[in-house]
């Protein structure tokens, strides 16, 4: 038998009506230590101990007292046989023939203890002692004609089976819910661990990203510095290239190499944001060299004019641009450098003007 069939056989085993072979299988299963079947068996045994109280009480027969008295007087004939063999004696004759004189003790009243209030009372010693008797009586009742008592026993047996099935259903439901909650808690714990691991990985990647960003910024700054150095070297190269024959090569070289030379940087205004220029002045000779780059091409009829500003603007000459948008001017009779305040470049009509009239494209201090 499987476990479910063994559970169904427990009620019959508790009543003592189970077949011997099946009873041995149940006993072997109980000996294996199954806690659930052991609990059901104890419940069934407690209920079986209550079955005698379910019988209907009947009054004792009228001739019971006379039969008991005859048995006490020593008459060996069984009461049932003696009652059947003897004819009915009239009441008067029964009075004239009394039995041998003997102190007639009053019969003791049979008292039946009241049933316990609970459905499954705890086991008592008297229940253990009378259990074999109850089993024998129940075995003898199987072959008796069906009556009210047997129907009641069957009803109680069905009720026990129903209660046991419902109890097993509740137990299985509770175990299923407990297993489900256990699975949910396990899944929640695993999810928390996974989130914690993802957060740790995110923090590590964020730290790596910050390091990479800082390194990139340092690289960009280094590249900017390198670009500035390259730009200055390019300007110096272009200035040297400007010292070609026909433009006082020796004089330009002397100005650029003089340790006393002063330099001014001119930046583009809103009219020429990308333009810039440099002015080199030798104070002793009052000579200088101007170099401009990235100025926009002047319109037709216009030219660029360089101004040296002391108290007022003084023209230092006009210049045009080459194909590379570069302009150059050799300066003569530059005012005293202690009086120089600023250099500027404006866009003027061709040939220049005594005072600036056009827009300023470059400006810078010495």
Protein backbone atom coordinates (compact mmCIF):
# COMPACT_ATOMS: atom_id res chain seq x y z
CA UNK A 1 0.00 0.00 0.00
CA UNK A 2 1.13 3.53 -0.65
CA UNK A 3 1.10 6.27 1.98
CA UNK A 4 -2.41 7.50 1.12
CA UNK A 5 -3.88 3.97 1.41
CA UNK A 6 -2.07 3.49 4.72
CA UNK A 7 -3.67 6.70 6.05
CA UNK A 8 -7.12 5.49 4.96
CA UNK A 9 -6.53 2.16 6.77
CA UNK A 10 -5.64 3.83 10.09
CA UNK A 11 -9.30 4.31 11.11
CA UNK A 12 -10.08 0.60 10.57
CA UNK A 13 -6.87 -0.30 12.39
CA UNK A 14 -7.93 1.81 15.37
CA UNK A 15 -11.33 0.04 15.41
CA UNK A 16 -9.67 -3.41 15.19
CA UNK A 17 -11.50 -4.33 11.97
CA UNK A 18 -8.54 -4.27 9.58
CA UNK A 19 -7.48 -7.47 7.88
CA UNK A 20 -4.41 -9.11 9.47
CA UNK A 21 -2.19 -8.66 6.44
CA UNK A 22 -3.12 -5.01 6.07
CA UNK A 23 -2.74 -4.53 9.83
CA UNK A 24 0.82 -5.83 9.62
CA UNK A 25 1.62 -3.36 6.86
CA UNK A 26 0.19 -0.50 8.95
CA UNK A 27 2.18 -1.62 12.00
CA UNK A 28 5.38 -1.82 9.94
CA UNK A 29 4.74 1.68 8.62
CA UNK A 30 4.09 3.03 12.12
CA UNK A 31 7.26 1.34 13.36
CA UNK A 32 9.21 3.28 10.71
CA UNK A 33 8.44 6.44 12.71
CA UNK A 34 6.02 8.35 10.43
CA UNK A 35 4.91 11.31 12.63
CA UNK A 36 1.82 12.19 10.58
CA UNK A 37 0.34 8.66 10.65
CA UNK A 38 1.20 8.32 14.35
CA UNK A 39 -0.78 11.49 15.12
CA UNK A 40 -3.80 10.30 13.08
CA UNK A 41 -3.75 6.89 14.80
CA UNK A 42 -3.81 8.46 18.27
CA UNK A 43 -6.80 10.57 17.23
CA UNK A 44 -8.63 7.54 15.85
CA UNK A 45 -7.91 5.48 19.01
CA UNK A 46 -9.23 8.27 21.21
CA UNK A 47 -12.42 8.40 19.16
CA UNK A 48 -12.77 4.60 19.22
CA UNK A 49 -12.63 4.74 23.03
CA UNK A 50 -15.70 6.99 22.89
CA UNK A 51 -17.78 4.66 20.72
CA UNK A 52 -19.37 2.71 23.66
CA UNK A 53 -20.88 5.94 24.91
CA UNK A 54 -22.72 6.31 21.61
CA UNK A 55 -24.88 3.20 22.28
CA UNK A 56 -28.49 3.73 23.34
CA UNK A 57 -29.12 2.71 26.97
CA UNK A 58 -31.88 0.09 27.36
CA UNK A 59 -33.69 -0.83 30.58
CA UNK A 60 -32.87 -4.24 32.13
CA UNK A 61 -35.40 -7.07 31.49
CA UNK A 62 -37.95 -7.70 34.24
CA UNK A 63 -36.75 -11.28 34.85
CA UNK A 64 -33.09 -10.22 35.21
CA UNK A 65 -33.32 -10.00 38.99
CA UNK A 66 -34.85 -13.48 39.34
CA UNK A 67 -32.18 -14.97 37.08
CA UNK A 68 -29.43 -13.34 39.12
CA UNK A 69 -30.96 -14.65 42.36
CA UNK A 70 -31.20 -18.19 41.02
CA UNK A 71 -27.56 -18.00 39.91
CA UNK A 72 -26.57 -16.90 43.40
CA UNK A 73 -28.61 -19.77 44.93
CA UNK A 74 -26.43 -22.30 43.09
CA UNK A 75 -28.63 -23.34 40.21
CA UNK A 76 -26.24 -24.51 37.49
CA UNK A 77 -28.68 -24.31 34.61
CA UNK A 78 -27.91 -21.32 32.45
CA UNK A 79 -30.48 -18.61 32.93
CA UNK A 80 -31.52 -18.55 29.26
CA UNK A 81 -31.99 -22.37 29.15
CA UNK A 82 -33.80 -22.54 32.48
CA UNK A 83 -36.17 -19.79 31.49
CA UNK A 84 -36.97 -21.54 28.25
CA UNK A 85 -37.48 -25.01 29.86
CA UNK A 86 -39.67 -24.09 32.79
CA UNK A 87 -43.30 -23.32 32.21
CA UNK A 88 -44.79 -20.09 33.35
CA UNK A 89 -45.70 -20.43 37.03
CA UNK A 90 -48.66 -18.51 38.33
CA UNK A 91 -47.91 -15.71 40.71
CA UNK A 92 -49.54 -17.47 43.64
CA UNK A 93 -47.40 -20.61 43.26
CA UNK A 94 -44.30 -18.55 42.93
CA UNK A 95 -45.03 -17.01 46.28
CA UNK A 96 -45.69 -20.37 48.06
CA UNK A 97 -42.34 -21.86 46.90
CA UNK A 98 -39.62 -19.47 48.02
CA UNK A 99 -35.98 -20.33 47.45
CA UNK A 100 -33.72 -21.43 50.28
CA UNK A 101 -33.34 -18.78 52.88
CA UNK A 102 -30.33 -16.58 52.17
CA UNK A 103 -29.63 -13.06 52.95
CA UNK A 104 -30.71 -11.33 49.81
CA UNK A 105 -28.25 -8.58 49.00
CA UNK A 106 -29.65 -5.70 46.98
CA UNK A 107 -28.19 -5.63 43.47
CA UNK A 108 -25.67 -2.98 42.85
CA UNK A 109 -26.59 -0.35 40.34
CA UNK A 110 -24.39 -0.26 37.27
CA UNK A 111 -23.00 3.21 36.78
CA UNK A 112 -21.59 4.36 33.46
CA UNK A 113 -19.09 7.19 33.74
CA UNK A 114 -20.01 10.28 31.79
CA UNK A 115 -18.09 10.84 28.54
CA UNK A 116 -15.27 13.37 28.54
CA UNK A 117 -16.12 16.75 26.98
CA UNK A 118 -13.44 16.63 24.24
CA UNK A 119 -13.69 14.69 20.99
CA UNK A 120 -10.26 13.08 21.42
CA UNK A 121 -9.59 12.66 25.18
CA UNK A 122 -6.15 11.64 26.41
CA UNK A 123 -5.48 7.98 26.86
CA UNK A 124 -6.42 6.55 30.28
CA UNK A 125 -5.13 3.35 31.85
CA UNK A 126 -8.59 1.81 31.71
CA UNK A 127 -8.75 2.49 27.99
CA UNK A 128 -5.53 0.57 27.44
CA UNK A 129 -6.79 -2.28 29.59
CA UNK A 130 -10.18 -2.54 27.85
CA UNK A 131 -8.91 -2.00 24.32
CA UNK A 132 -8.72 -5.77 23.50
CA UNK A 133 -12.27 -6.21 24.78
CA UNK A 134 -13.49 -3.35 22.64
CA UNK A 135 -11.79 -4.86 19.63
CA UNK A 136 -13.41 -8.25 20.21
CA UNK A 137 -16.82 -6.68 20.65
CA UNK A 138 -16.40 -4.60 17.53
CA UNK A 139 -15.28 -7.71 15.61
CA UNK A 140 -18.42 -9.53 16.74
CA UNK A 141 -20.59 -6.61 15.72
CA UNK A 142 -19.48 -6.87 12.11
CA UNK A 143 -21.71 -9.94 11.52
CA UNK A 144 -24.70 -8.63 13.46
CA UNK A 145 -27.73 -7.40 11.55
CA UNK A 146 -27.61 -3.76 10.66
CA UNK A 147 -29.33 -1.67 13.29
CA UNK A 148 -29.30 1.81 14.75
CA UNK A 149 -26.01 1.23 16.68
CA UNK A 150 -24.16 -0.14 13.65
CA UNK A 151 -25.42 2.75 11.53
CA UNK A 152 -24.18 5.18 14.15
CA UNK A 153 -20.76 3.50 14.16
CA UNK A 154 -20.65 3.73 10.38
CA UNK A 155 -21.62 7.40 10.54
CA UNK A 156 -18.93 8.09 13.08
CA UNK A 157 -16.41 6.23 10.94
CA UNK A 158 -17.36 8.32 7.92
CA UNK A 159 -17.10 11.46 10.03
CA UNK A 160 -13.65 10.40 11.18
CA UNK A 161 -12.57 9.79 7.61
CA UNK A 162 -13.92 13.17 6.56
CA UNK A 163 -12.20 14.92 9.45
CA UNK A 164 -8.95 13.13 8.74
CA UNK A 165 -9.15 14.08 5.05
CA UNK A 166 -9.87 17.70 5.91
CA UNK A 167 -7.03 17.73 8.46
CA UNK A 168 -4.68 16.30 5.85
CA UNK A 169 -5.87 18.92 3.35
CA UNK A 170 -5.16 21.71 5.85
CA UNK A 171 -1.77 20.19 6.61
CA UNK A 172 -0.86 19.92 2.91
CA UNK A 173 -2.07 23.49 2.27
CA UNK A 174 -0.03 24.83 5.18
CA UNK A 175 3.07 22.97 4.00
CA UNK A 176 2.58 24.27 0.45
CA UNK A 177 2.22 27.85 1.67
CA UNK A 178 5.24 27.43 3.92
CA UNK A 179 7.26 26.06 1.00
CA UNK A 180 6.05 28.92 -1.20
CA UNK A 181 7.01 31.53 1.38
CA UNK A 182 10.38 29.83 1.79
CA UNK A 183 10.94 30.03 -1.97
CA UNK A 184 9.93 33.70 -1.98
CA UNK A 185 12.35 34.47 0.83
CA UNK A 186 15.12 32.63 -1.01
CA UNK A 187 14.39 34.52 -4.24
CA UNK A 188 14.32 37.83 -2.34
CA UNK A 189 17.66 37.07 -0.69
CA UNK A 190 19.20 36.17 -4.05
CA UNK A 191 17.80 39.36 -5.61
CA UNK A 192 19.28 41.47 -2.79
CA UNK A 193 22.65 39.80 -3.26
CA UNK A 194 22.48 40.42 -7.01
CA UNK A 195 21.58 44.10 -6.51
CA UNK A 196 24.44 44.49 -4.03
CA UNK A 197 26.85 42.93 -6.52
CA UNK A 198 25.60 45.22 -9.32
CA UNK A 199 26.01 48.27 -7.07
CA UNK A 200 29.56 47.20 -6.25
CA UNK A 201 30.35 46.77 -9.95
CA UNK A 202 28.78 50.16 -10.73
CA UNK A 203 30.88 51.88 -8.05
CA UNK A 204 34.04 50.25 -9.38
CA UNK A 205 33.25 51.31 -12.95
CA UNK A 206 32.46 54.84 -11.77
CA UNK A 207 35.84 55.04 -10.07
CA UNK A 208 37.55 53.80 -13.23
CA UNK A 209 35.61 56.35 -15.30
CA UNK A 210 36.66 59.17 -12.97
CA UNK A 211 40.29 58.10 -13.27
CA UNK A 212 40.02 57.94 -17.06
CA UNK A 213 38.35 61.38 -17.16
CA UNK A 214 41.08 62.93 -15.02
CA UNK A 215 43.75 61.35 -17.23
CA UNK A 216 41.99 62.64 -20.35
CA UNK A 217 41.82 66.15 -18.91
CA UNK A 218 45.53 66.07 -18.15
CA UNK A 219 46.19 64.85 -21.68
CA UNK A 220 44.05 67.63 -23.16
CA UNK A 221 45.84 70.25 -21.06
CA UNK A 222 49.18 68.85 -22.16
CA UNK A 223 48.03 68.91 -25.78
CA UNK A 224 46.86 72.51 -25.36
CA UNK A 225 50.24 73.52 -23.99
CA UNK A 226 51.94 71.67 -26.82
CA UNK A 227 49.68 73.40 -29.33
CA UNK A 228 50.54 76.79 -27.91
CA UNK A 229 54.25 76.01 -28.09
CA UNK A 230 53.86 74.79 -31.66
CA UNK A 231 51.92 77.92 -32.56
CA UNK A 232 54.64 80.16 -31.12
CA UNK A 233 57.35 78.21 -32.91
CA UNK A 234 55.37 78.47 -36.13
CA UNK A 235 55.09 82.21 -35.67
CA UNK A 236 58.80 82.48 -35.07
CA UNK A 237 59.43 80.43 -38.19
CA UNK A 238 57.12 82.66 -40.18
CA UNK A 239 58.83 85.73 -38.79
CA UNK A 240 62.18 84.33 -39.82
CA UNK A 241 60.80 83.50 -43.24
CA UNK A 242 59.73 87.10 -43.52
CA UNK A 243 63.40 88.04 -43.25
CA UNK A 244 64.03 87.32 -46.88
CA UNK A 245 66.29 89.43 -49.15
CA UNK A 246 64.98 92.89 -49.92
CA UNK A 247 63.53 93.43 -46.42
CA UNK A 248 66.54 94.33 -44.34
CA UNK A 249 67.32 90.76 -43.32
CA UNK A 250 70.16 91.71 -41.05
CA UNK A 251 68.13 94.42 -39.32
CA UNK A 252 65.19 92.09 -38.62
CA UNK A 253 67.51 89.41 -37.30
CA UNK A 254 69.24 91.96 -35.03
CA UNK A 255 65.89 93.14 -33.63
CA UNK A 256 64.66 89.60 -32.96
CA UNK A 257 67.93 88.53 -31.33
CA UNK A 258 68.47 91.67 -29.26
CA UNK A 259 68.30 91.00 -25.51
CA UNK A 260 66.81 94.45 -25.02
CA UNK A 261 63.98 94.02 -27.50
CA UNK A 262 60.46 94.58 -26.21
CA UNK A 263 57.53 92.51 -27.45
CA UNK A 264 53.80 93.23 -27.51
CA UNK A 265 51.03 90.73 -28.32
CA UNK A 266 47.94 91.96 -30.16
CA UNK A 267 44.65 90.02 -30.02
CA UNK A 268 41.78 90.13 -32.46
CA UNK A 269 38.68 92.16 -31.61
CA UNK A 270 35.08 91.27 -32.44
CA UNK A 271 35.84 92.16 -36.06
CA UNK A 272 38.57 89.48 -36.28
CA UNK A 273 38.31 87.06 -33.37
CA UNK A 274 40.80 84.57 -34.79
CA UNK A 275 43.49 87.15 -35.67
CA UNK A 276 46.63 87.92 -33.67
CA UNK A 277 49.90 89.84 -34.09
CA UNK A 278 53.31 90.54 -32.47
CA UNK A 279 55.42 93.69 -32.33
CA UNK A 280 59.17 93.66 -31.56
CA UNK A 281 60.80 97.01 -30.67
CA UNK A 282 64.53 97.74 -30.08
CA UNK A 283 64.68 100.75 -27.73
CA UNK A 284 68.21 101.88 -28.64
CA UNK A 285 67.68 102.06 -32.38
CA UNK A 286 63.94 102.89 -32.13
CA UNK A 287 63.36 100.32 -34.85
CA UNK A 288 60.81 97.52 -34.79
CA UNK A 289 59.12 94.69 -36.66
CA UNK A 290 55.34 93.96 -36.84
CA UNK A 291 53.91 90.59 -37.82
CA UNK A 292 50.13 89.84 -38.13
CA UNK A 293 48.32 86.58 -38.92
CA UNK A 294 44.81 85.37 -39.75
CA UNK A 295 43.34 88.78 -40.54
CA UNK A 296 40.36 88.76 -42.91
CA UNK A 297 41.06 89.93 -46.44
CA UNK A 298 40.29 93.69 -46.69
CA UNK A 299 37.58 94.82 -49.11
CA UNK A 300 38.54 96.53 -52.35
CA UNK A 301 39.83 100.05 -51.76
CA UNK A 302 40.70 99.31 -48.14
CA UNK A 303 43.92 98.59 -46.34
CA UNK A 304 45.15 97.84 -42.84
CA UNK A 305 47.02 100.58 -40.92
CA UNK A 306 49.19 100.09 -37.79
CA UNK A 307 48.99 102.66 -35.00
CA UNK A 308 51.43 103.40 -32.17
CA UNK A 309 49.51 105.00 -29.32
CA UNK A 310 51.20 107.29 -26.77
CA UNK A 311 49.14 110.31 -25.87
CA UNK A 312 47.50 110.04 -29.30
CA UNK A 313 47.59 107.55 -32.18
CA UNK A 314 50.57 107.84 -34.48
CA UNK A 315 50.61 105.98 -37.81
CA UNK A 316 53.33 103.33 -38.12
CA UNK A 317 52.48 102.41 -41.71
CA UNK A 318 50.02 100.49 -43.85
CA UNK A 319 50.31 96.85 -44.92
CA UNK A 320 48.57 94.28 -47.08
CA UNK A 321 48.08 90.53 -46.64
CA UNK A 322 49.74 87.71 -48.52
CA UNK A 323 48.09 84.47 -49.61
CA UNK A 324 48.39 83.12 -46.09
CA UNK A 325 46.49 86.15 -44.68
CA UNK A 326 49.68 87.43 -43.03
CA UNK A 327 50.95 91.03 -42.88
CA UNK A 328 54.36 92.57 -42.04
CA UNK A 329 55.63 96.09 -41.31
CA UNK A 330 59.13 97.42 -40.59
CA UNK A 331 58.91 100.19 -38.00
CA UNK A 332 61.10 103.33 -38.08
CA UNK A 333 61.40 106.12 -35.47
CA UNK A 334 59.32 104.33 -32.89
CA UNK A 335 58.54 106.68 -29.95
CA UNK A 336 60.26 106.15 -26.61
CA UNK A 337 59.13 102.78 -25.23
CA UNK A 338 58.52 104.38 -21.85
CA UNK A 339 55.82 106.45 -23.49
CA UNK A 340 54.28 103.64 -25.53
CA UNK A 341 50.86 102.56 -24.24
CA UNK A 342 49.31 100.44 -26.96
CA UNK A 343 49.47 99.15 -30.52
CA UNK A 344 46.36 98.86 -32.75
CA UNK A 345 45.37 97.93 -36.31
CA UNK A 346 42.40 99.51 -38.07
CA UNK A 347 40.82 99.13 -41.51
CA UNK A 348 41.27 102.39 -43.45
CA UNK A 349 40.86 103.62 -47.03
CA UNK A 350 43.70 102.76 -49.39
CA UNK A 351 46.81 104.80 -48.62
CA UNK A 352 45.91 105.27 -44.94
CA UNK A 353 44.76 108.23 -42.87
CA UNK A 354 46.49 110.57 -40.38
CA UNK A 355 44.14 109.39 -37.63
CA UNK A 356 42.18 106.15 -37.34
CA UNK A 357 38.70 106.34 -38.86
CA UNK A 358 37.78 102.67 -39.38
CA UNK A 359 37.07 99.68 -37.17
CA UNK A 360 39.80 98.32 -34.89
CA UNK A 361 40.80 94.75 -35.77
CA UNK A 362 43.85 94.20 -33.50
CA UNK A 363 44.89 95.77 -30.17
CA UNK A 364 47.46 95.04 -27.45
CA UNK A 365 49.70 96.64 -24.79
CA UNK A 366 53.48 96.70 -24.81
